[in-house]
Protein backbone atom coordinates (compact mmCIF):
# COMPACT_ATOMS: atom_id res chain seq x y z
CA MET A 1 -30.68 13.29 -100.58
CA PRO A 2 -32.35 15.99 -98.46
CA ALA A 3 -30.33 19.01 -97.49
CA ALA A 4 -28.55 18.75 -94.16
CA ALA A 5 -30.66 19.84 -91.22
CA PRO A 6 -30.06 23.45 -90.17
CA SER A 7 -29.11 24.33 -86.63
CA SER A 8 -32.00 23.79 -84.26
CA PRO A 9 -34.62 26.58 -84.44
CA ALA A 10 -34.28 28.98 -81.52
CA THR A 11 -37.99 29.58 -80.88
CA LEU A 12 -41.07 27.38 -80.78
CA PRO A 13 -42.81 29.17 -83.70
CA ALA A 14 -39.65 28.75 -85.78
CA LEU A 15 -39.46 25.06 -84.81
CA PHE A 16 -43.09 24.41 -85.75
CA THR A 17 -42.57 26.23 -89.06
CA ALA A 18 -39.48 24.10 -89.73
CA PHE A 19 -41.61 20.96 -89.33
CA ASN A 20 -43.29 21.92 -92.61
CA ASP A 21 -40.08 21.37 -94.59
CA LEU A 22 -39.41 17.83 -93.32
CA THR A 23 -40.10 14.49 -95.00
CA VAL A 24 -40.50 11.44 -92.78
CA LEU A 25 -40.14 7.86 -94.00
CA ILE A 26 -42.27 5.51 -91.87
CA VAL A 27 -41.55 1.81 -92.32
CA GLY A 28 -43.42 -0.97 -90.55
CA ASP A 29 -46.90 -2.36 -90.02
CA VAL A 30 -49.92 -0.45 -91.34
CA MET A 31 -53.48 -1.49 -90.55
CA VAL A 32 -57.13 -0.52 -90.69
CA ASP A 33 -58.95 0.14 -87.43
CA ALA A 34 -62.63 -0.60 -88.09
CA TYR A 35 -65.48 0.24 -85.71
CA VAL A 36 -69.07 -1.01 -85.62
CA TRP A 37 -71.38 0.87 -83.26
CA GLY A 38 -74.84 -0.39 -82.39
CA LYS A 39 -77.47 -1.14 -79.78
CA ALA A 40 -77.68 -4.42 -77.90
CA ALA A 41 -81.14 -4.98 -76.44
CA ARG A 42 -81.46 -8.76 -76.47
CA LEU A 43 -79.55 -12.02 -76.44
CA SER A 44 -79.27 -14.18 -79.52
CA PRO A 45 -81.49 -17.27 -79.60
CA GLU A 46 -78.55 -19.11 -81.17
CA ALA A 47 -76.00 -18.55 -78.38
CA PRO A 48 -75.73 -16.58 -75.10
CA VAL A 49 -74.33 -13.50 -76.82
CA PRO A 50 -75.83 -10.05 -77.40
CA VAL A 51 -77.38 -9.16 -80.74
CA VAL A 52 -76.01 -5.81 -81.91
CA ASN A 53 -78.18 -3.75 -84.24
CA VAL A 54 -75.71 -1.66 -86.23
CA THR A 55 -76.20 2.11 -86.20
CA ARG A 56 -72.86 3.30 -87.56
CA THR A 57 -69.58 2.00 -88.98
CA GLU A 58 -66.23 3.71 -89.44
CA GLN A 59 -62.79 2.83 -90.76
CA ARG A 60 -59.63 4.60 -89.64
CA LEU A 61 -55.94 4.38 -90.44
CA GLY A 62 -54.01 2.48 -87.78
CA GLY A 63 -50.52 1.33 -86.88
CA ALA A 64 -47.80 3.02 -88.91
CA ALA A 65 -50.51 4.78 -90.93
CA ASN A 66 -51.67 6.60 -87.77
CA VAL A 67 -48.09 7.75 -87.26
CA ALA A 68 -48.28 9.13 -90.81
CA LEU A 69 -51.43 11.04 -89.83
CA ASN A 70 -49.61 12.57 -86.85
CA VAL A 71 -46.62 13.52 -88.99
CA GLN A 72 -48.98 15.13 -91.50
CA ALA A 73 -50.85 16.96 -88.72
CA LEU A 74 -47.53 18.44 -87.56
CA GLY A 75 -46.98 19.86 -91.06
CA ALA A 76 -44.35 17.42 -92.34
CA THR A 77 -44.64 15.08 -95.33
CA PRO A 78 -45.00 11.37 -94.44
CA LEU A 79 -43.91 8.52 -96.70
CA LEU A 80 -45.23 5.05 -95.84
CA CYS A 81 -43.25 1.90 -96.59
CA ALA A 82 -45.07 -1.35 -95.80
CA VAL A 83 -46.63 -4.52 -97.17
CA ILE A 84 -50.41 -4.88 -97.42
CA GLY A 85 -52.67 -7.51 -98.87
CA ASP A 86 -54.11 -7.55 -102.36
CA ASP A 87 -57.55 -7.76 -100.78
CA ALA A 88 -60.57 -5.74 -99.71
CA GLY A 89 -58.74 -4.55 -96.60
CA GLY A 90 -55.90 -3.28 -98.77
CA ASP A 91 -58.36 -1.48 -101.05
CA GLN A 92 -59.94 0.10 -97.98
CA LEU A 93 -56.58 1.22 -96.61
CA LEU A 94 -55.57 2.79 -99.92
CA GLN A 95 -58.91 4.61 -100.08
CA LEU A 96 -58.38 5.98 -96.56
CA LEU A 97 -54.90 7.18 -97.52
CA HIS A 98 -56.32 8.87 -100.61
CA GLU A 99 -59.03 10.60 -98.56
CA ARG A 100 -56.39 11.96 -96.17
CA HIS A 101 -54.06 13.00 -99.04
CA LEU A 102 -51.33 10.61 -97.90
CA PRO A 103 -48.96 9.06 -100.49
CA ALA A 104 -49.09 5.30 -101.01
CA ASP A 105 -46.22 4.80 -103.46
CA GLY A 106 -44.16 2.96 -100.83
CA LEU A 107 -46.79 0.29 -100.17
CA VAL A 108 -46.20 -3.19 -101.55
CA ARG A 109 -49.32 -5.25 -102.29
CA SER A 110 -49.15 -9.01 -101.91
CA ALA A 111 -51.55 -11.85 -102.60
CA GLU A 112 -49.73 -13.97 -100.00
CA ARG A 113 -50.90 -12.18 -96.83
CA PRO A 114 -53.98 -10.22 -95.73
CA THR A 115 -54.08 -6.57 -94.79
CA THR A 116 -54.29 -6.24 -91.01
CA VAL A 117 -57.82 -5.15 -90.09
CA LYS A 118 -58.91 -4.84 -86.46
CA GLN A 119 -62.69 -4.61 -86.15
CA ARG A 120 -64.25 -3.51 -82.87
CA ILE A 121 -67.91 -4.12 -82.02
CA LEU A 122 -69.25 -1.51 -79.58
CA ALA A 123 -72.62 -0.97 -77.91
CA HIS A 124 -73.70 1.44 -75.16
CA GLY A 125 -70.19 2.83 -74.79
CA GLN A 126 -68.57 -0.58 -74.30
CA GLN A 127 -66.46 -2.75 -76.57
CA LEU A 128 -68.09 -6.16 -76.81
CA LEU A 129 -65.70 -7.86 -79.19
CA ARG A 130 -62.63 -7.29 -81.34
CA ILE A 131 -62.02 -9.31 -84.50
CA ASP A 132 -58.48 -9.29 -85.93
CA ALA A 133 -57.85 -10.31 -89.52
CA GLU A 134 -54.09 -10.64 -89.83
CA VAL A 135 -51.04 -12.85 -89.97
CA GLU A 136 -47.81 -12.39 -87.99
CA THR A 137 -45.49 -14.51 -90.12
CA ASP A 138 -42.36 -13.05 -91.70
CA LEU A 139 -42.52 -11.74 -95.24
CA SER A 140 -41.79 -14.11 -98.09
CA THR A 141 -38.54 -13.65 -99.98
CA ALA A 142 -40.34 -11.81 -102.79
CA GLU A 143 -42.25 -9.54 -100.38
CA ASP A 144 -39.09 -8.77 -98.42
CA ALA A 145 -37.18 -7.86 -101.58
CA ALA A 146 -40.01 -5.59 -102.77
CA LEU A 147 -40.11 -3.85 -99.37
CA ALA A 148 -36.34 -3.30 -99.46
CA GLU A 149 -36.57 -1.81 -102.96
CA ALA A 150 -39.33 0.58 -101.88
CA TYR A 151 -37.35 1.63 -98.80
CA ALA A 152 -34.20 2.33 -100.81
CA GLN A 153 -36.14 4.50 -103.27
CA LEU A 154 -37.91 6.51 -100.57
CA LEU A 155 -34.86 6.96 -98.33
CA ASP A 156 -33.34 9.53 -100.69
CA ARG A 157 -36.32 11.81 -99.98
CA ALA A 158 -36.30 11.40 -96.18
CA ASP A 159 -34.98 13.65 -93.42
CA VAL A 160 -35.67 11.02 -90.75
CA VAL A 161 -36.85 7.38 -90.65
CA ILE A 162 -39.40 6.01 -88.17
CA PHE A 163 -39.51 2.25 -87.59
CA GLU A 164 -43.07 1.48 -86.47
CA ASP A 165 -43.00 -2.18 -85.45
CA TYR A 166 -46.18 -4.00 -84.37
CA ASP A 167 -44.77 -7.55 -84.67
CA LYS A 168 -46.88 -8.34 -87.74
CA GLY A 169 -43.93 -9.70 -89.72
CA VAL A 170 -43.15 -6.79 -92.06
CA LEU A 171 -39.90 -6.04 -90.21
CA ASN A 172 -37.29 -8.68 -89.40
CA ALA A 173 -33.90 -8.48 -87.71
CA GLY A 174 -31.82 -8.79 -90.86
CA ARG A 175 -33.75 -6.20 -92.81
CA ILE A 176 -33.83 -3.80 -89.84
CA ALA A 177 -30.03 -3.90 -89.62
CA GLN A 178 -29.73 -3.22 -93.34
CA PHE A 179 -32.26 -0.37 -93.26
CA ILE A 180 -30.46 1.34 -90.36
CA GLU A 181 -27.08 0.90 -92.09
CA LEU A 182 -28.45 2.45 -95.30
CA ALA A 183 -29.88 5.40 -93.38
CA ARG A 184 -26.63 5.96 -91.45
CA ALA A 185 -24.66 5.91 -94.71
CA LYS A 186 -26.87 8.72 -96.01
CA GLY A 187 -26.78 10.69 -92.76
CA VAL A 188 -30.49 10.13 -92.09
CA PRO A 189 -31.39 9.67 -88.38
CA THR A 190 -33.50 6.66 -87.37
CA VAL A 191 -36.19 6.64 -84.68
CA VAL A 192 -37.68 3.39 -83.35
CA ASP A 193 -41.05 2.51 -81.80
CA PRO A 194 -40.36 -1.15 -80.94
CA LYS A 195 -42.28 -4.27 -80.05
CA LYS A 196 -41.10 -7.49 -78.45
CA ARG A 197 -39.99 -9.69 -81.38
CA ASN A 198 -37.35 -7.37 -82.88
CA PHE A 199 -36.62 -5.41 -79.72
CA LEU A 200 -32.85 -5.96 -79.79
CA ALA A 201 -32.48 -5.70 -83.58
CA TYR A 202 -32.18 -1.90 -83.81
CA ARG A 203 -28.49 -1.54 -83.07
CA GLY A 204 -27.09 1.85 -84.05
CA CYS A 205 -30.39 3.72 -84.21
CA THR A 206 -30.56 7.40 -83.30
CA LEU A 207 -33.51 7.30 -80.88
CA PHE A 208 -35.12 4.23 -79.28
CA LYS A 209 -38.57 4.79 -77.72
CA PRO A 210 -40.10 1.90 -75.78
CA ASN A 211 -42.75 2.14 -73.11
CA LEU A 212 -42.19 0.52 -69.71
CA LYS A 213 -43.90 -2.75 -70.65
CA GLU A 214 -41.87 -3.05 -73.85
CA LEU A 215 -38.64 -2.26 -72.00
CA ARG A 216 -39.28 -4.96 -69.38
CA GLU A 217 -40.36 -7.60 -71.90
CA GLY A 218 -37.72 -6.77 -74.50
CA LEU A 219 -34.85 -7.02 -72.00
CA LYS A 220 -36.48 -9.66 -69.76
CA ILE A 221 -35.76 -7.39 -66.79
CA ASP A 222 -38.36 -6.68 -64.13
CA PHE A 223 -38.53 -3.61 -61.93
CA ALA A 224 -41.39 -1.83 -60.20
CA ASP A 225 -43.17 1.26 -61.48
CA GLY A 226 -41.53 4.23 -59.82
CA ASP A 227 -38.22 2.38 -59.31
CA ASN A 228 -35.98 4.94 -60.98
CA ALA A 229 -32.80 3.05 -60.16
CA GLY A 230 -34.23 -0.09 -61.78
CA LEU A 231 -35.31 1.89 -64.84
CA GLU A 232 -31.88 3.46 -65.23
CA ARG A 233 -30.16 0.06 -64.92
CA ALA A 234 -32.47 -1.34 -67.60
CA VAL A 235 -31.71 1.57 -69.93
CA GLN A 236 -27.99 1.00 -69.39
CA VAL A 237 -28.44 -2.66 -70.40
CA LEU A 238 -30.38 -1.46 -73.44
CA ARG A 239 -27.52 0.88 -74.36
CA GLU A 240 -25.03 -2.00 -74.14
CA HIS A 241 -27.14 -4.01 -76.60
CA LEU A 242 -28.13 -1.31 -79.09
CA ALA A 243 -25.77 1.66 -78.66
CA PRO A 244 -28.45 4.22 -79.57
CA ASP A 245 -27.70 7.92 -79.41
CA MET A 246 -30.79 8.51 -77.26
CA VAL A 247 -33.36 6.51 -75.33
CA LEU A 248 -36.84 7.88 -74.62
CA VAL A 249 -39.06 5.76 -72.34
CA THR A 250 -42.72 6.68 -71.92
CA LEU A 251 -43.87 6.16 -68.33
CA SER A 252 -47.64 6.53 -68.78
CA GLU A 253 -49.07 8.79 -66.05
CA ARG A 254 -45.53 9.47 -64.73
CA GLY A 255 -44.37 11.23 -67.90
CA VAL A 256 -41.19 10.30 -69.77
CA PHE A 257 -37.56 9.39 -69.12
CA CYS A 258 -34.83 10.46 -71.53
CA ASP A 259 -31.19 9.37 -71.64
CA ALA A 260 -28.99 11.06 -74.22
CA GLY A 261 -25.71 9.97 -72.65
CA GLN A 262 -25.40 13.02 -70.41
CA GLY A 263 -27.36 11.90 -67.36
CA PRO A 264 -31.01 10.89 -66.81
CA ILE A 265 -33.83 13.30 -67.60
CA TYR A 266 -37.21 12.81 -65.91
CA LEU A 267 -40.16 14.88 -67.10
CA PRO A 268 -43.49 14.53 -65.24
CA ALA A 269 -46.74 14.14 -67.12
CA HIS A 270 -48.91 17.23 -67.51
CA VAL A 271 -52.14 17.06 -65.53
CA ARG A 272 -54.89 16.09 -67.95
CA ALA A 273 -58.50 14.93 -68.02
CA ILE A 274 -57.58 11.57 -69.55
CA SER A 275 -60.24 10.16 -71.88
CA ASP A 276 -58.28 7.58 -73.88
CA VAL A 277 -54.58 6.70 -74.02
CA SER A 278 -54.92 5.03 -77.44
CA GLY A 279 -52.53 6.43 -80.00
CA ALA A 280 -50.47 8.48 -77.53
CA GLY A 281 -47.32 6.55 -78.45
CA ASP A 282 -47.86 7.35 -82.13
CA THR A 283 -47.97 11.05 -81.31
CA VAL A 284 -44.87 10.85 -79.10
CA ILE A 285 -42.78 9.10 -81.76
CA SER A 286 -43.93 11.54 -84.47
CA ILE A 287 -42.96 14.63 -82.47
CA ALA A 288 -39.69 13.07 -81.34
CA ALA A 289 -38.73 12.15 -84.91
CA LEU A 290 -39.26 15.68 -86.22
CA CYS A 291 -37.24 17.10 -83.34
CA VAL A 292 -34.43 14.61 -83.98
CA ALA A 293 -34.37 15.61 -87.67
CA LEU A 294 -33.97 19.26 -86.63
CA GLU A 295 -31.33 18.44 -83.97
CA VAL A 296 -33.43 19.80 -81.13
CA ALA A 297 -31.81 19.38 -77.70
CA PRO A 298 -32.85 16.08 -76.02
CA THR A 299 -34.56 17.77 -73.06
CA SER A 300 -36.67 19.98 -75.33
CA MET A 301 -37.44 17.04 -77.64
CA ALA A 302 -38.60 14.90 -74.72
CA ALA A 303 -40.62 17.76 -73.21
CA LEU A 304 -42.47 18.47 -76.46
CA ALA A 305 -43.15 14.78 -77.12
CA ASN A 306 -44.36 14.34 -73.54
CA LEU A 307 -46.70 17.30 -73.92
CA GLY A 308 -48.12 16.03 -77.21
CA GLY A 309 -48.71 12.53 -75.87
CA GLY A 310 -50.73 13.99 -73.01
CA LEU A 311 -52.80 16.21 -75.28
CA VAL A 312 -54.08 13.36 -77.46
CA CYS A 313 -55.11 11.44 -74.34
CA GLU A 314 -57.80 14.07 -73.80
CA GLN A 315 -59.53 12.89 -76.98
CA VAL A 316 -61.64 9.74 -77.31
CA GLY A 317 -60.22 7.24 -79.79
CA VAL A 318 -57.04 7.35 -81.83
CA VAL A 319 -56.67 10.89 -83.18
CA PRO A 320 -53.68 12.84 -84.53
CA ILE A 321 -52.24 15.76 -82.62
CA GLU A 322 -53.55 19.31 -83.20
CA LYS A 323 -50.51 21.37 -84.19
CA THR A 324 -51.89 24.78 -83.23
CA ARG A 325 -52.92 23.64 -79.76
CA LEU A 326 -49.60 21.85 -79.24
CA LEU A 327 -47.75 25.08 -80.05
CA GLN A 328 -49.95 27.06 -77.65
CA GLU A 329 -49.42 24.58 -74.83
CA ALA A 330 -45.69 24.33 -75.57
CA GLU A 331 -45.32 28.11 -75.35
CA ALA A 332 -47.30 28.19 -72.10
CA SER A 333 -45.08 25.43 -70.68
CA ALA A 334 -41.84 26.97 -72.04
CA VAL A 335 -40.58 23.62 -73.34
CA LEU A 336 -37.87 25.18 -75.55
């Protein structure tokens, strides 16, 4: 069991240094994001589709594994807990983890399901096609038991748990409830990045972080963008269902909303030259989780997460946060 978190660091440099001593258990859906770049100069004689002559390929860590990259970039130690296939995609994912010096001892390999691989075909700066190799069915009894065993073993090393749910079947309502109960019993906070299927399964979590679309779909409540009263009513309904300590809702270009039980907190987005919003949520949840582990005040936690999410949007593609730049920007913005 990790030592109890110290009182929240008083300065930003001290906070960023404290990140280095944290261990984060990330449980959920890992995947490989594959990219094929090429040139399309003619149509196929076989069908009215472009022929892409490949010039470059790349494989990147995606899903919960990209959250692990962000946690690592912030200086903390990530532990991944997930189920992957006993297939070429699984081999590829393990190789990517090895190249990035990320531990894989919490990954369960199974011959019953494929590793999720999302392959994008791009030409002339445009995505022409995406091919997903995956299943979204629940784990088998044997897979579920192996995942639970891995989680229990890794939990003793964790200062905070992130649930990274992409609705691929690794997490289910019963197991989520058990995982949160185990963490609470050990005094380990739990932070949730939800999707639709298990949205209302995370009762008793420490921090729940949906975006607006997920909040509307998960609660089946509709309200307009910019309708603060509607947003606050929805969050109150969410609180009645899940009783989380804190709720953090990302509002895209409007920033974030935070409710820690002491009144609503709205933080506007920082003005950015937005290149790509992909992966911003992974950065937000990573920063928020480290702040929760260190008992940072909710307003400061939300402000730092909001700042980090904006910074990664300046980069093309899914990239982890740059810790040094985040600290510089945080100091300039006086977020603590």
